[in-house]
Structures are given as C-alpha cells and as structure tokens.
Amino acid sequence: MSIELTKRAKKDLKKPDAVTRERILLTLYKFEMHQENIDFSKLSDSSDKWRIRVGRWRVVLDKNAKSGKWQVLYIKLRPKAYK
C-alpha cells in the first residue's frame, strides 16, 4: 500500500508544531505498513473519505480505486476538519 500527499496536505502539514508533525508522519507510516492501533474510520457523510485521528488533528484520506493508493486530502484540527 502506498500513500501520497496532495499539495494541500503538504501545506497543512506545516501548520502543527514539530512534535505533532512527527506524530502525524509516524501515524501515516504505521498506516502504510499495516500496523495496528491506528484510529482509522470512514466518515459518515461520505462514502469515499476516511479519517485518521492523531490527537486533536484529523488526517482525511481518499482511496483511489484504479491505483489502490491512498491520497491524503488534508490535515486539520478537529473543529475545522469536518466543515
């Protein structure tokens, strides 16, 4: 499995502090390597979007049906992630 970040996600990744940024990247790495203990679930309002919870931050992903790759759409704080 592979993960790619959109332009927006790369920009969003600059917003958290360095420690949180490392936690987000580590969680994405764990997700890519199929490790357990990741808070990963489907968004209720959308059939094709998923989220990973990293503390107060949310990483929203979409799976490309053709390539099978996961694409990180954006990374936002909880209150702003679902608007």
N, C-alpha and C. Protein backbone atom coordinates (compact mmCIF):
# COMPACT_ATOMS: atom_id res chain seq x y z
N MET A 1 0.85 -1.17 0.00
CA MET A 1 0.00 0.00 0.00
C MET A 1 0.90 1.23 0.00
N SER A 2 0.45 2.25 -0.69
CA SER A 2 1.23 3.48 -0.68
C SER A 2 0.32 4.68 -0.42
N ILE A 3 0.93 5.72 0.12
CA ILE A 3 0.21 6.94 0.47
C ILE A 3 0.88 8.10 -0.24
N GLU A 4 0.06 8.97 -0.81
CA GLU A 4 0.60 10.19 -1.40
C GLU A 4 -0.13 11.39 -0.80
N LEU A 5 0.59 12.48 -0.63
CA LEU A 5 0.02 13.69 -0.08
C LEU A 5 -0.32 14.67 -1.20
N THR A 6 -1.49 15.26 -1.12
CA THR A 6 -1.86 16.29 -2.09
C THR A 6 -1.09 17.56 -1.75
N LYS A 7 -1.14 18.50 -2.65
CA LYS A 7 -0.49 19.80 -2.43
C LYS A 7 -1.04 20.46 -1.16
N ARG A 8 -2.34 20.37 -1.01
CA ARG A 8 -2.99 20.95 0.17
C ARG A 8 -2.53 20.28 1.46
N ALA A 9 -2.40 18.95 1.44
CA ALA A 9 -1.96 18.21 2.61
C ALA A 9 -0.53 18.57 2.99
N LYS A 10 0.32 18.76 2.00
CA LYS A 10 1.71 19.16 2.27
C LYS A 10 1.74 20.53 2.93
N LYS A 11 0.87 21.42 2.47
CA LYS A 11 0.78 22.76 3.06
C LYS A 11 0.23 22.66 4.49
N ASP A 12 -0.80 21.84 4.68
CA ASP A 12 -1.38 21.66 6.01
C ASP A 12 -0.39 21.05 7.00
N LEU A 13 0.52 20.24 6.52
CA LEU A 13 1.49 19.58 7.38
C LEU A 13 2.48 20.55 8.00
N LYS A 14 2.58 21.74 7.45
CA LYS A 14 3.48 22.76 8.00
C LYS A 14 2.87 23.49 9.19
N LYS A 15 1.56 23.37 9.40
CA LYS A 15 0.87 24.11 10.45
C LYS A 15 1.13 23.61 11.86
N PRO A 16 1.10 22.30 12.13
CA PRO A 16 1.33 21.84 13.51
C PRO A 16 2.78 22.06 13.94
N ASP A 17 3.00 22.03 15.26
CA ASP A 17 4.37 22.15 15.76
C ASP A 17 5.17 20.90 15.36
N ALA A 18 6.47 20.96 15.56
CA ALA A 18 7.36 19.89 15.08
C ALA A 18 7.03 18.53 15.69
N VAL A 19 6.71 18.50 16.98
CA VAL A 19 6.41 17.23 17.65
C VAL A 19 5.14 16.61 17.07
N THR A 20 4.11 17.43 16.90
CA THR A 20 2.85 16.94 16.33
C THR A 20 3.04 16.51 14.89
N ARG A 21 3.83 17.25 14.13
CA ARG A 21 4.10 16.89 12.74
C ARG A 21 4.74 15.52 12.67
N GLU A 22 5.69 15.23 13.56
CA GLU A 22 6.34 13.92 13.59
C GLU A 22 5.35 12.82 13.97
N ARG A 23 4.44 13.11 14.90
CA ARG A 23 3.41 12.13 15.27
C ARG A 23 2.51 11.82 14.08
N ILE A 24 2.14 12.83 13.32
CA ILE A 24 1.29 12.63 12.15
C ILE A 24 2.02 11.77 11.11
N LEU A 25 3.27 12.11 10.84
CA LEU A 25 4.05 11.35 9.85
C LEU A 25 4.27 9.91 10.31
N LEU A 26 4.52 9.71 11.61
CA LEU A 26 4.69 8.36 12.15
C LEU A 26 3.40 7.55 12.02
N THR A 27 2.27 8.19 12.29
CA THR A 27 0.98 7.50 12.16
C THR A 27 0.71 7.13 10.70
N LEU A 28 1.03 8.01 9.76
CA LEU A 28 0.87 7.69 8.34
C LEU A 28 1.77 6.53 7.94
N TYR A 29 2.99 6.51 8.48
CA TYR A 29 3.92 5.41 8.20
C TYR A 29 3.35 4.09 8.74
N LYS A 30 2.83 4.12 9.97
CA LYS A 30 2.23 2.92 10.55
C LYS A 30 1.05 2.44 9.71
N PHE A 31 0.24 3.38 9.25
CA PHE A 31 -0.90 3.03 8.41
C PHE A 31 -0.42 2.37 7.12
N GLU A 32 0.62 2.92 6.53
CA GLU A 32 1.17 2.39 5.29
C GLU A 32 1.73 0.98 5.49
N MET A 33 2.27 0.71 6.67
CA MET A 33 2.88 -0.59 6.96
C MET A 33 1.88 -1.57 7.58
N HIS A 34 0.58 -1.21 7.60
CA HIS A 34 -0.50 -2.07 8.10
C HIS A 34 -0.35 -2.39 9.58
N GLN A 35 0.17 -1.48 10.37
CA GLN A 35 0.29 -1.73 11.81
C GLN A 35 -1.03 -1.45 12.51
N GLU A 36 -1.21 -2.07 13.64
CA GLU A 36 -2.44 -1.92 14.42
C GLU A 36 -2.39 -0.63 15.24
N ASN A 37 -3.42 -0.43 16.02
CA ASN A 37 -3.54 0.69 16.96
C ASN A 37 -3.56 2.05 16.27
N ILE A 38 -4.26 2.14 15.16
CA ILE A 38 -4.44 3.42 14.48
C ILE A 38 -5.94 3.69 14.47
N ASP A 39 -6.32 4.87 14.91
CA ASP A 39 -7.74 5.24 14.94
C ASP A 39 -8.14 5.67 13.53
N PHE A 40 -8.63 4.71 12.76
CA PHE A 40 -8.94 4.88 11.35
C PHE A 40 -10.40 4.51 11.13
N SER A 41 -11.18 5.41 10.57
CA SER A 41 -12.58 5.08 10.30
C SER A 41 -13.13 5.88 9.13
N LYS A 42 -14.22 5.39 8.61
CA LYS A 42 -14.88 6.01 7.47
C LYS A 42 -15.70 7.20 7.95
N LEU A 43 -15.71 8.28 7.18
CA LEU A 43 -16.53 9.43 7.52
C LEU A 43 -17.99 9.11 7.22
N SER A 44 -18.86 9.50 8.10
CA SER A 44 -20.26 9.13 7.97
C SER A 44 -20.97 9.86 6.83
N ASP A 45 -20.52 11.07 6.51
CA ASP A 45 -21.21 11.84 5.47
C ASP A 45 -20.72 11.53 4.06
N SER A 46 -19.70 10.72 3.95
CA SER A 46 -19.12 10.45 2.64
C SER A 46 -18.79 8.97 2.50
N SER A 47 -19.04 8.43 1.35
CA SER A 47 -18.77 7.01 1.15
C SER A 47 -17.32 6.75 0.74
N ASP A 48 -16.61 7.80 0.35
CA ASP A 48 -15.25 7.57 -0.16
C ASP A 48 -14.15 8.22 0.67
N LYS A 49 -14.49 8.89 1.76
CA LYS A 49 -13.47 9.54 2.57
C LYS A 49 -13.32 8.83 3.91
N TRP A 50 -12.07 8.78 4.38
CA TRP A 50 -11.71 8.14 5.63
C TRP A 50 -10.91 9.13 6.45
N ARG A 51 -10.81 8.88 7.75
CA ARG A 51 -10.01 9.76 8.58
C ARG A 51 -9.15 8.95 9.54
N ILE A 52 -8.00 9.54 9.86
CA ILE A 52 -7.12 9.01 10.88
C ILE A 52 -7.02 10.09 11.95
N ARG A 53 -7.23 9.70 13.20
CA ARG A 53 -7.16 10.65 14.30
C ARG A 53 -5.77 10.60 14.92
N VAL A 54 -5.15 11.78 15.04
CA VAL A 54 -3.84 11.90 15.67
C VAL A 54 -3.97 13.02 16.70
N GLY A 55 -4.32 12.67 17.92
CA GLY A 55 -4.56 13.68 18.94
C GLY A 55 -5.73 14.56 18.54
N ARG A 56 -5.53 15.87 18.51
CA ARG A 56 -6.57 16.82 18.11
C ARG A 56 -6.63 17.00 16.60
N TRP A 57 -5.70 16.41 15.88
CA TRP A 57 -5.61 16.58 14.43
C TRP A 57 -6.31 15.44 13.71
N ARG A 58 -6.85 15.74 12.52
CA ARG A 58 -7.50 14.75 11.68
C ARG A 58 -6.83 14.73 10.32
N VAL A 59 -6.49 13.54 9.87
CA VAL A 59 -5.91 13.34 8.54
C VAL A 59 -7.02 12.70 7.70
N VAL A 60 -7.47 13.40 6.67
CA VAL A 60 -8.57 12.90 5.84
C VAL A 60 -7.99 12.33 4.55
N LEU A 61 -8.38 11.09 4.26
CA LEU A 61 -7.84 10.36 3.12
C LEU A 61 -8.95 9.92 2.17
N ASP A 62 -8.51 9.58 0.97
CA ASP A 62 -9.39 9.06 -0.06
C ASP A 62 -8.63 7.93 -0.75
N LYS A 63 -9.31 6.85 -1.09
CA LYS A 63 -8.63 5.75 -1.77
C LYS A 63 -8.94 5.80 -3.26
N ASN A 64 -7.88 5.80 -4.06
CA ASN A 64 -8.02 5.79 -5.50
C ASN A 64 -8.36 4.37 -5.94
N ALA A 65 -9.51 4.20 -6.55
CA ALA A 65 -9.99 2.86 -6.92
C ALA A 65 -9.11 2.22 -7.99
N LYS A 66 -8.60 3.00 -8.92
CA LYS A 66 -7.79 2.45 -10.01
C LYS A 66 -6.42 1.97 -9.52
N SER A 67 -5.70 2.86 -8.84
CA SER A 67 -4.33 2.53 -8.44
C SER A 67 -4.24 1.84 -7.09
N GLY A 68 -5.28 1.98 -6.26
CA GLY A 68 -5.24 1.38 -4.93
C GLY A 68 -4.44 2.20 -3.94
N LYS A 69 -3.98 3.38 -4.35
CA LYS A 69 -3.20 4.24 -3.46
C LYS A 69 -4.13 5.08 -2.59
N TRP A 70 -3.67 5.37 -1.39
CA TRP A 70 -4.37 6.29 -0.52
C TRP A 70 -3.82 7.68 -0.76
N GLN A 71 -4.71 8.65 -0.78
CA GLN A 71 -4.31 10.04 -1.01
C GLN A 71 -4.76 10.86 0.20
N VAL A 72 -3.80 11.54 0.84
CA VAL A 72 -4.13 12.41 1.96
C VAL A 72 -4.66 13.71 1.37
N LEU A 73 -5.93 14.01 1.65
CA LEU A 73 -6.57 15.20 1.10
C LEU A 73 -6.22 16.45 1.90
N TYR A 74 -6.33 16.36 3.23
CA TYR A 74 -5.99 17.49 4.08
C TYR A 74 -5.75 17.03 5.51
N ILE A 75 -5.10 17.91 6.30
CA ILE A 75 -4.78 17.66 7.70
C ILE A 75 -5.22 18.91 8.46
N LYS A 76 -6.18 18.74 9.36
CA LYS A 76 -6.73 19.90 10.07
C LYS A 76 -7.00 19.56 11.53
N LEU A 77 -7.13 20.61 12.35
CA LEU A 77 -7.56 20.45 13.72
C LEU A 77 -9.00 19.97 13.74
N ARG A 78 -9.38 19.27 14.77
CA ARG A 78 -10.70 18.65 14.88
C ARG A 78 -11.85 19.61 14.58
N PRO A 79 -11.91 20.80 15.20
CA PRO A 79 -13.07 21.66 14.94
C PRO A 79 -13.22 22.09 13.48
N LYS A 80 -12.13 22.17 12.75
CA LYS A 80 -12.17 22.65 11.37
C LYS A 80 -12.16 21.52 10.33
N ALA A 81 -11.93 20.30 10.78
CA ALA A 81 -11.73 19.20 9.84
C ALA A 81 -12.98 18.77 9.09
N TYR A 82 -14.13 18.94 9.67
CA TYR A 82 -15.34 18.41 9.06
C TYR A 82 -16.27 19.48 8.53
N LYS A 83 -15.79 20.68 8.35
CA LYS A 83 -16.62 21.77 7.83
C LYS A 83 -16.49 21.88 6.34
